């Protein structure tokens, strides 16, 4: 279980690092738009991401 969790964390870091590495200007634009959003909008994006991740895990392990 611990190895799987570390592998998942490593893969997340690889995916998260792709955009700033491949397109730093686009990455800056995304963050400038994010700063303009309200807390509620950011929370909704976080919740939707969390639920999508849980659904994907359930589909893979179920």
N, C-alpha and C. Protein backbone atom coordinates (compact mmCIF):
# COMPACT_ATOMS: atom_id res chain seq x y z
N UNK A 1 0.83 -1.20 0.00
CA UNK A 1 0.00 0.00 0.00
C UNK A 1 0.87 1.26 0.00
N UNK A 2 1.92 1.28 0.80
CA UNK A 2 2.79 2.45 0.87
C UNK A 2 3.50 2.72 -0.44
N UNK A 3 3.93 1.64 -1.11
CA UNK A 3 4.59 1.80 -2.41
C UNK A 3 3.63 2.37 -3.45
N UNK A 4 2.39 1.92 -3.41
CA UNK A 4 1.38 2.41 -4.35
C UNK A 4 1.10 3.89 -4.12
N UNK A 5 1.02 4.28 -2.85
CA UNK A 5 0.76 5.69 -2.53
C UNK A 5 1.92 6.57 -2.99
N UNK A 6 3.15 6.11 -2.77
CA UNK A 6 4.31 6.89 -3.22
C UNK A 6 4.38 6.96 -4.74
N UNK A 7 4.01 5.87 -5.42
CA UNK A 7 3.99 5.88 -6.89
C UNK A 7 2.93 6.86 -7.39
N UNK A 8 1.77 6.89 -6.73
CA UNK A 8 0.72 7.83 -7.12
C UNK A 8 1.16 9.27 -6.90
N UNK A 9 1.83 9.53 -5.80
CA UNK A 9 2.34 10.87 -5.53
C UNK A 9 3.38 11.28 -6.57
N UNK A 10 4.27 10.35 -6.90
CA UNK A 10 5.29 10.64 -7.90
C UNK A 10 4.65 10.94 -9.26
N UNK A 11 3.65 10.16 -9.65
CA UNK A 11 2.97 10.40 -10.92
C UNK A 11 2.25 11.74 -10.92
N UNK A 12 1.64 12.10 -9.79
CA UNK A 12 0.97 13.39 -9.69
C UNK A 12 1.98 14.53 -9.89
N UNK A 13 3.16 14.40 -9.29
CA UNK A 13 4.18 15.43 -9.44
C UNK A 13 4.67 15.54 -10.88
N UNK A 14 4.79 14.40 -11.56
CA UNK A 14 5.18 14.42 -12.97
C UNK A 14 4.13 15.16 -13.79
N UNK A 15 2.87 14.83 -13.60
CA UNK A 15 1.78 15.46 -14.36
C UNK A 15 1.69 16.95 -14.04
N UNK A 16 1.82 17.29 -12.75
CA UNK A 16 1.76 18.70 -12.35
C UNK A 16 2.92 19.51 -12.93
N UNK A 17 4.06 18.88 -13.14
CA UNK A 17 5.22 19.59 -13.65
C UNK A 17 5.24 19.75 -15.16
N UNK A 18 4.36 19.05 -15.87
CA UNK A 18 4.36 19.11 -17.33
C UNK A 18 4.02 20.50 -17.86
N UNK A 19 2.97 21.11 -17.35
CA UNK A 19 2.54 22.39 -17.92
C UNK A 19 3.57 23.51 -17.71
N UNK A 20 4.09 23.69 -16.49
CA UNK A 20 5.10 24.75 -16.36
C UNK A 20 6.37 24.47 -17.15
N UNK A 21 6.70 23.20 -17.37
CA UNK A 21 7.88 22.88 -18.15
C UNK A 21 7.65 23.11 -19.64
N UNK A 22 6.49 22.68 -20.14
CA UNK A 22 6.22 22.76 -21.58
C UNK A 22 5.70 24.13 -22.02
N UNK A 23 4.94 24.79 -21.14
CA UNK A 23 4.30 26.05 -21.53
C UNK A 23 4.27 27.01 -20.34
N UNK A 24 5.41 27.60 -19.98
CA UNK A 24 5.44 28.47 -18.80
C UNK A 24 4.54 29.70 -18.92
N UNK A 25 4.42 30.26 -20.11
CA UNK A 25 3.56 31.43 -20.29
C UNK A 25 2.09 31.07 -20.06
N UNK A 26 1.66 29.94 -20.60
CA UNK A 26 0.29 29.49 -20.37
C UNK A 26 0.03 29.19 -18.91
N UNK A 27 1.04 28.65 -18.23
CA UNK A 27 0.92 28.35 -16.80
C UNK A 27 0.72 29.63 -16.01
N UNK A 28 1.46 30.70 -16.37
CA UNK A 28 1.28 32.00 -15.71
C UNK A 28 -0.13 32.54 -15.93
N UNK A 29 -0.64 32.40 -17.16
CA UNK A 29 -1.98 32.89 -17.46
C UNK A 29 -3.04 32.16 -16.65
N UNK A 30 -2.87 30.85 -16.51
CA UNK A 30 -3.82 30.06 -15.70
C UNK A 30 -3.83 30.58 -14.27
N UNK A 31 -2.66 30.83 -13.71
CA UNK A 31 -2.61 31.29 -12.32
C UNK A 31 -3.11 32.72 -12.17
N UNK A 32 -2.92 33.56 -13.16
CA UNK A 32 -3.46 34.92 -13.05
C UNK A 32 -4.99 34.88 -13.10
N UNK A 33 -5.55 33.97 -13.89
CA UNK A 33 -7.02 33.81 -13.90
C UNK A 33 -7.51 33.23 -12.58
N UNK A 34 -6.73 32.31 -12.02
CA UNK A 34 -7.09 31.70 -10.74
C UNK A 34 -7.14 32.74 -9.63
N UNK A 35 -6.20 33.69 -9.65
CA UNK A 35 -6.18 34.74 -8.64
C UNK A 35 -7.41 35.65 -8.73
N UNK A 36 -8.01 35.74 -9.90
CA UNK A 36 -9.19 36.59 -10.09
C UNK A 36 -10.48 35.90 -9.65
N UNK A 37 -10.44 34.60 -9.39
CA UNK A 37 -11.65 33.86 -9.01
C UNK A 37 -11.99 34.09 -7.54
N UNK A 38 -13.26 33.91 -7.23
CA UNK A 38 -13.69 34.02 -5.83
C UNK A 38 -13.36 32.72 -5.10
N UNK A 39 -13.40 32.78 -3.77
CA UNK A 39 -13.12 31.58 -2.97
C UNK A 39 -14.11 30.46 -3.29
N UNK A 40 -15.35 30.81 -3.51
CA UNK A 40 -16.37 29.81 -3.83
C UNK A 40 -16.08 29.08 -5.13
N UNK A 41 -15.63 29.82 -6.13
CA UNK A 41 -15.29 29.20 -7.42
C UNK A 41 -14.10 28.26 -7.27
N UNK A 42 -13.10 28.67 -6.51
CA UNK A 42 -11.93 27.84 -6.30
C UNK A 42 -12.31 26.58 -5.51
N UNK A 43 -13.16 26.75 -4.50
CA UNK A 43 -13.61 25.58 -3.74
C UNK A 43 -14.38 24.60 -4.63
N UNK A 44 -15.21 25.12 -5.52
CA UNK A 44 -15.97 24.26 -6.42
C UNK A 44 -15.03 23.46 -7.33
N UNK A 45 -14.00 24.12 -7.86
CA UNK A 45 -13.02 23.43 -8.71
C UNK A 45 -12.30 22.34 -7.90
N UNK A 46 -11.94 22.67 -6.66
CA UNK A 46 -11.29 21.69 -5.80
C UNK A 46 -12.19 20.50 -5.50
N UNK A 47 -13.46 20.77 -5.22
CA UNK A 47 -14.42 19.70 -4.94
C UNK A 47 -14.65 18.84 -6.17
N UNK A 48 -14.79 19.46 -7.32
CA UNK A 48 -15.00 18.70 -8.56
C UNK A 48 -13.79 17.82 -8.86
N UNK A 49 -12.60 18.35 -8.64
CA UNK A 49 -11.38 17.58 -8.86
C UNK A 49 -11.31 16.41 -7.88
N UNK A 50 -11.61 16.66 -6.64
CA UNK A 50 -11.61 15.61 -5.62
C UNK A 50 -12.59 14.50 -5.96
N UNK A 51 -13.81 14.87 -6.35
CA UNK A 51 -14.83 13.87 -6.69
C UNK A 51 -14.46 13.09 -7.94
N UNK A 52 -13.86 13.75 -8.93
CA UNK A 52 -13.42 13.06 -10.13
C UNK A 52 -12.33 12.05 -9.80
N UNK A 53 -11.40 12.43 -8.94
CA UNK A 53 -10.34 11.52 -8.52
C UNK A 53 -10.90 10.33 -7.75
N UNK A 54 -11.84 10.57 -6.86
CA UNK A 54 -12.45 9.47 -6.11
C UNK A 54 -13.23 8.54 -7.04
N UNK A 55 -13.94 9.10 -8.01
CA UNK A 55 -14.68 8.28 -8.96
C UNK A 55 -13.72 7.43 -9.81
N UNK A 56 -12.61 8.00 -10.20
CA UNK A 56 -11.62 7.25 -10.98
C UNK A 56 -11.03 6.11 -10.14
N UNK A 57 -10.71 6.41 -8.88
CA UNK A 57 -10.20 5.36 -7.99
C UNK A 57 -11.23 4.25 -7.79
N UNK A 58 -12.47 4.62 -7.60
CA UNK A 58 -13.53 3.63 -7.42
C UNK A 58 -13.69 2.77 -8.67
N UNK A 59 -13.57 3.38 -9.83
CA UNK A 59 -13.70 2.62 -11.08
C UNK A 59 -12.51 1.67 -11.26
N UNK A 60 -11.32 2.10 -10.86
CA UNK A 60 -10.13 1.26 -11.00
C UNK A 60 -10.11 0.11 -10.00
N UNK A 61 -10.54 0.38 -8.78
CA UNK A 61 -10.49 -0.63 -7.71
C UNK A 61 -11.78 -1.39 -7.53
N UNK A 62 -12.84 -0.95 -8.21
CA UNK A 62 -14.15 -1.57 -7.99
C UNK A 62 -14.46 -2.63 -8.92
